[in-house]
Amino acid sequence: MYNRNLMMFANLNNVPITKDDRIFILMGATHTAYFKDFLRRSPKFKEVNALQYLK
């Protein structure tokens, strides 16, 4: 399971993005727990609450 999540995160890192881009990732609870950990450790991404952008 860990290797699968790591591969998914590696694929996300390969997506060309700019500083102004936003990425919305919809996934289940187990994947989300891993991704939250990966995102916290990555200087490339900043995790924000999606509810800030929904009306």
PDB file of N, CA and C in Angstrom:
ATOM      1  N   MET A   1       0.827  -1.192   0.000  1.00  0.00           N
ATOM      2  CA  MET A   1       0.000   0.000   0.000  1.00  0.00           C
ATOM      3  C   MET A   1       0.874   1.260   0.000  1.00  0.00           C
ATOM      4  N   TYR A   2       1.944   1.246   0.792  1.00  0.00           N
ATOM      5  CA  TYR A   2       2.817   2.412   0.861  1.00  0.00           C
ATOM      6  C   TYR A   2       3.463   2.684  -0.496  1.00  0.00           C
ATOM      7  N   ASN A   3       3.926   1.628  -1.163  1.00  0.00           N
ATOM      8  CA  ASN A   3       4.566   1.807  -2.471  1.00  0.00           C
ATOM      9  C   ASN A   3       3.594   2.362  -3.498  1.00  0.00           C
ATOM     10  N   ARG A   4       2.352   1.925  -3.450  1.00  0.00           N
ATOM     11  CA  ARG A   4       1.354   2.443  -4.387  1.00  0.00           C
ATOM     12  C   ARG A   4       1.141   3.931  -4.161  1.00  0.00           C
ATOM     13  N   ASN A   5       1.026   4.353  -2.902  1.00  0.00           N
ATOM     14  CA  ASN A   5       0.835   5.771  -2.597  1.00  0.00           C
ATOM     15  C   ASN A   5       2.061   6.591  -2.977  1.00  0.00           C
ATOM     16  N   LEU A   6       3.230   6.024  -2.767  1.00  0.00           N
ATOM     17  CA  LEU A   6       4.458   6.710  -3.143  1.00  0.00           C
ATOM     18  C   LEU A   6       4.543   6.888  -4.654  1.00  0.00           C
ATOM     19  N   MET A   7       4.109   5.889  -5.404  1.00  0.00           N
ATOM     20  CA  MET A   7       4.099   5.984  -6.861  1.00  0.00           C
ATOM     21  C   MET A   7       3.092   7.044  -7.322  1.00  0.00           C
ATOM     22  N   MET A   8       1.941   7.093  -6.674  1.00  0.00           N
ATOM     23  CA  MET A   8       0.938   8.114  -7.011  1.00  0.00           C
ATOM     24  C   MET A   8       1.494   9.511  -6.747  1.00  0.00           C
ATOM     25  N   PHE A   9       2.190   9.679  -5.634  1.00  0.00           N
ATOM     26  CA  PHE A   9       2.769  10.978  -5.308  1.00  0.00           C
ATOM     27  C   PHE A   9       3.893  11.326  -6.282  1.00  0.00           C
ATOM     28  N   ALA A  10       4.678  10.339  -6.691  1.00  0.00           N
ATOM     29  CA  ALA A  10       5.733  10.574  -7.672  1.00  0.00           C
ATOM     30  C   ALA A  10       5.127  11.037  -8.993  1.00  0.00           C
ATOM     31  N   ASN A  11       4.003  10.454  -9.387  1.00  0.00           N
ATOM     32  CA  ASN A  11       3.318  10.886 -10.604  1.00  0.00           C
ATOM     33  C   ASN A  11       2.827  12.327 -10.468  1.00  0.00           C
ATOM     34  N   LEU A  12       2.339  12.688  -9.306  1.00  0.00           N
ATOM     35  CA  LEU A  12       1.904  14.063  -9.060  1.00  0.00           C
ATOM     36  C   LEU A  12       3.083  15.024  -9.187  1.00  0.00           C
ATOM     37  N   ASN A  13       4.246  14.620  -8.711  1.00  0.00           N
ATOM     38  CA  ASN A  13       5.441  15.461  -8.815  1.00  0.00           C
ATOM     39  C   ASN A  13       5.897  15.653 -10.246  1.00  0.00           C
ATOM     40  N   ASN A  14       5.536  14.745 -11.130  1.00  0.00           N
ATOM     41  CA  ASN A  14       5.929  14.840 -12.535  1.00  0.00           C
ATOM     42  C   ASN A  14       5.019  15.737 -13.359  1.00  0.00           C
ATOM     43  N   VAL A  15       3.903  16.181 -12.782  1.00  0.00           N
ATOM     44  CA  VAL A  15       2.983  17.066 -13.491  1.00  0.00           C
ATOM     45  C   VAL A  15       3.591  18.473 -13.506  1.00  0.00           C
ATOM     46  N   PRO A  16       3.744  19.069 -14.697  1.00  0.00           N
ATOM     47  CA  PRO A  16       4.298  20.432 -14.742  1.00  0.00           C
ATOM     48  C   PRO A  16       3.278  21.436 -14.192  1.00  0.00           C
ATOM     49  N   ILE A  17       3.677  22.177 -13.177  1.00  0.00           N
ATOM     50  CA  ILE A  17       2.790  23.162 -12.565  1.00  0.00           C
ATOM     51  C   ILE A  17       3.536  24.479 -12.403  1.00  0.00           C
ATOM     52  N   THR A  18       2.760  25.548 -12.287  1.00  0.00           N
ATOM     53  CA  THR A  18       3.330  26.857 -11.984  1.00  0.00           C
ATOM     54  C   THR A  18       2.927  27.240 -10.565  1.00  0.00           C
ATOM     55  N   LYS A  19       3.453  28.342 -10.115  1.00  0.00           N
ATOM     56  CA  LYS A  19       3.162  28.791  -8.753  1.00  0.00           C
ATOM     57  C   LYS A  19       1.680  29.147  -8.571  1.00  0.00           C
ATOM     58  N   ASP A  20       1.012  29.541  -9.653  1.00  0.00           N
ATOM     59  CA  ASP A  20      -0.387  29.959  -9.577  1.00  0.00           C
ATOM     60  C   ASP A  20      -1.382  28.815  -9.774  1.00  0.00           C
ATOM     61  N   ASP A  21      -0.913  27.620 -10.092  1.00  0.00           N
ATOM     62  CA  ASP A  21      -1.796  26.472 -10.316  1.00  0.00           C
ATOM     63  C   ASP A  21      -2.338  25.934  -9.002  1.00  0.00           C
ATOM     64  N   ARG A  22      -3.533  25.368  -9.103  1.00  0.00           N
ATOM     65  CA  ARG A  22      -4.145  24.647  -7.982  1.00  0.00           C
ATOM     66  C   ARG A  22      -4.450  23.240  -8.455  1.00  0.00           C
ATOM     67  N   ILE A  23      -4.257  22.275  -7.572  1.00  0.00           N
ATOM     68  CA  ILE A  23      -4.517  20.872  -7.905  1.00  0.00           C
ATOM     69  C   ILE A  23      -5.514  20.342  -6.887  1.00  0.00           C
ATOM     70  N   PHE A  24      -6.610  19.787  -7.376  1.00  0.00           N
ATOM     71  CA  PHE A  24      -7.617  19.169  -6.505  1.00  0.00           C
ATOM     72  C   PHE A  24      -7.488  17.669  -6.654  1.00  0.00           C
ATOM     73  N   ILE A  25      -7.280  16.987  -5.540  1.00  0.00           N
ATOM     74  CA  ILE A  25      -7.123  15.532  -5.553  1.00  0.00           C
ATOM     75  C   ILE A  25      -8.262  14.933  -4.737  1.00  0.00           C
ATOM     76  N   LEU A  26      -9.028  14.088  -5.371  1.00  0.00           N
ATOM     77  CA  LEU A  26     -10.133  13.406  -4.703  1.00  0.00           C
ATOM     78  C   LEU A  26      -9.760  11.944  -4.563  1.00  0.00           C
ATOM     79  N   MET A  27      -9.690  11.468  -3.321  1.00  0.00           N
ATOM     80  CA  MET A  27      -9.308  10.073  -3.081  1.00  0.00           C
ATOM     81  C   MET A  27      -9.915   9.597  -1.769  1.00  0.00           C
ATOM     82  N   GLY A  28      -9.788   8.327  -1.518  1.00  0.00           N
ATOM     83  CA  GLY A  28     -10.321   7.726  -0.299  1.00  0.00           C
ATOM     84  C   GLY A  28      -9.482   8.061   0.921  1.00  0.00           C
ATOM     85  N   ALA A  29      -9.972   7.663   2.067  1.00  0.00           N
ATOM     86  CA  ALA A  29      -9.365   8.036   3.347  1.00  0.00           C
ATOM     87  C   ALA A  29      -7.953   7.494   3.525  1.00  0.00           C
ATOM     88  N   THR A  30      -7.700   6.270   3.118  1.00  0.00           N
ATOM     89  CA  THR A  30      -6.370   5.694   3.314  1.00  0.00           C
ATOM     90  C   THR A  30      -5.337   6.405   2.459  1.00  0.00           C
ATOM     91  N   HIS A  31      -5.657   6.633   1.191  1.00  0.00           N
ATOM     92  CA  HIS A  31      -4.734   7.372   0.325  1.00  0.00           C
ATOM     93  C   HIS A  31      -4.539   8.790   0.852  1.00  0.00           C
ATOM     94  N   THR A  32      -5.605   9.401   1.329  1.00  0.00           N
ATOM     95  CA  THR A  32      -5.520  10.770   1.834  1.00  0.00           C
ATOM     96  C   THR A  32      -4.558  10.866   3.003  1.00  0.00           C
ATOM     97  N   ALA A  33      -4.573   9.905   3.887  1.00  0.00           N
ATOM     98  CA  ALA A  33      -3.666   9.928   5.038  1.00  0.00           C
ATOM     99  C   ALA A  33      -2.209   9.913   4.591  1.00  0.00           C
ATOM    100  N   TYR A  34      -1.893   9.082   3.625  1.00  0.00           N
ATOM    101  CA  TYR A  34      -0.526   9.038   3.099  1.00  0.00           C
ATOM    102  C   TYR A  34      -0.172  10.345   2.394  1.00  0.00           C
ATOM    103  N   PHE A  35      -1.097  10.839   1.562  1.00  0.00           N
ATOM    104  CA  PHE A  35      -0.809  12.054   0.804  1.00  0.00           C
ATOM    105  C   PHE A  35      -0.630  13.252   1.722  1.00  0.00           C
ATOM    106  N   LYS A  36      -1.409  13.334   2.788  1.00  0.00           N
ATOM    107  CA  LYS A  36      -1.230  14.434   3.743  1.00  0.00           C
ATOM    108  C   LYS A  36       0.188  14.408   4.302  1.00  0.00           C
ATOM    109  N   ASP A  37       0.683  13.240   4.608  1.00  0.00           N
ATOM    110  CA  ASP A  37       2.045  13.107   5.126  1.00  0.00           C
ATOM    111  C   ASP A  37       3.065  13.515   4.065  1.00  0.00           C
ATOM    112  N   PHE A  38       2.883  13.044   2.836  1.00  0.00           N
ATOM    113  CA  PHE A  38       3.802  13.394   1.753  1.00  0.00           C
ATOM    114  C   PHE A  38       3.778  14.897   1.469  1.00  0.00           C
ATOM    115  N   LEU A  39       2.587  15.483   1.443  1.00  0.00           N
ATOM    116  CA  LEU A  39       2.461  16.906   1.131  1.00  0.00           C
ATOM    117  C   LEU A  39       3.093  17.779   2.209  1.00  0.00           C
ATOM    118  N   ARG A  40       2.960  17.381   3.465  1.00  0.00           N
ATOM    119  CA  ARG A  40       3.565  18.151   4.559  1.00  0.00           C
ATOM    120  C   ARG A  40       5.075  18.202   4.437  1.00  0.00           C
ATOM    121  N   ARG A  41       5.661  17.153   3.904  1.00  0.00           N
ATOM    122  CA  ARG A  41       7.123  17.069   3.799  1.00  0.00           C
ATOM    123  C   ARG A  41       7.671  17.656   2.503  1.00  0.00           C
ATOM    124  N   SER A  42       6.818  17.985   1.563  1.00  0.00           N
ATOM    125  CA  SER A  42       7.262  18.471   0.265  1.00  0.00           C
ATOM    126  C   SER A  42       7.289  19.997   0.226  1.00  0.00           C
ATOM    127  N   PRO A  43       8.407  20.590  -0.175  1.00  0.00           N
ATOM    128  CA  PRO A  43       8.451  22.046  -0.310  1.00  0.00           C
ATOM    129  C   PRO A  43       7.732  22.540  -1.571  1.00  0.00           C
ATOM    130  N   LYS A  44       7.401  21.625  -2.477  1.00  0.00           N
ATOM    131  CA  LYS A  44       6.774  21.983  -3.745  1.00  0.00           C
ATOM    132  C   LYS A  44       5.280  22.275  -3.597  1.00  0.00           C
ATOM    133  N   PHE A  45       4.625  21.664  -2.609  1.00  0.00           N
ATOM    134  CA  PHE A  45       3.179  21.768  -2.470  1.00  0.00           C
ATOM    135  C   PHE A  45       2.789  22.390  -1.140  1.00  0.00           C
ATOM    136  N   LYS A  46       1.628  23.035  -1.147  1.00  0.00           N
ATOM    137  CA  LYS A  46       1.044  23.578   0.077  1.00  0.00           C
ATOM    138  C   LYS A  46      -0.380  23.049   0.166  1.00  0.00           C
ATOM    139  N   GLU A  47      -0.681  22.343   1.226  1.00  0.00           N
ATOM    140  CA  GLU A  47      -2.017  21.779   1.406  1.00  0.00           C
ATOM    141  C   GLU A  47      -2.940  22.850   1.983  1.00  0.00           C
ATOM    142  N   VAL A  48      -4.102  23.024   1.358  1.00  0.00           N
ATOM    143  CA  VAL A  48      -5.110  23.952   1.857  1.00  0.00           C
ATOM    144  C   VAL A  48      -6.448  23.233   1.922  1.00  0.00           C
ATOM    145  N   ASN A  49      -7.335  23.765   2.719  1.00  0.00           N
ATOM    146  CA  ASN A  49      -8.676  23.206   2.851  1.00  0.00           C
ATOM    147  C   ASN A  49      -9.501  23.585   1.622  1.00  0.00           C
ATOM    148  N   ALA A  50     -10.041  22.604   0.921  1.00  0.00           N
ATOM    149  CA  ALA A  50     -10.812  22.855  -0.304  1.00  0.00           C
ATOM    150  C   ALA A  50     -12.098  23.620  -0.017  1.00  0.00           C
ATOM    151  N   LEU A  51     -12.588  23.580   1.191  1.00  0.00           N
ATOM    152  CA  LEU A  51     -13.824  24.301   1.531  1.00  0.00           C
ATOM    153  C   LEU A  51     -13.665  25.801   1.390  1.00  0.00           C
ATOM    154  N   GLN A  52     -12.433  26.298   1.414  1.00  0.00           N
ATOM    155  CA  GLN A  52     -12.186  27.728   1.226  1.00  0.00           C
ATOM    156  C   GLN A  52     -12.582  28.173  -0.168  1.00  0.00           C
ATOM    157  N   TYR A  53     -12.587  27.261  -1.124  1.00  0.00           N
ATOM    158  CA  TYR A  53     -12.850  27.608  -2.520  1.00  0.00           C
ATOM    159  C   TYR A  53     -14.258  27.228  -2.982  1.00  0.00           C
ATOM    160  N   LEU A  54     -15.017  26.561  -2.132  1.00  0.00           N
ATOM    161  CA  LEU A  54     -16.377  26.150  -2.498  1.00  0.00           C
ATOM    162  C   LEU A  54     -17.393  27.120  -1.916  1.00  0.00           C
ATOM    163  N   LYS A  55     -18.428  27.359  -2.660  1.00  0.00           N
ATOM    164  CA  LYS A  55     -19.486  28.259  -2.183  1.00  0.00           C
ATOM    165  C   LYS A  55     -20.776  27.506  -2.029  1.00  0.00           C
TER     166      LYS A  55
END
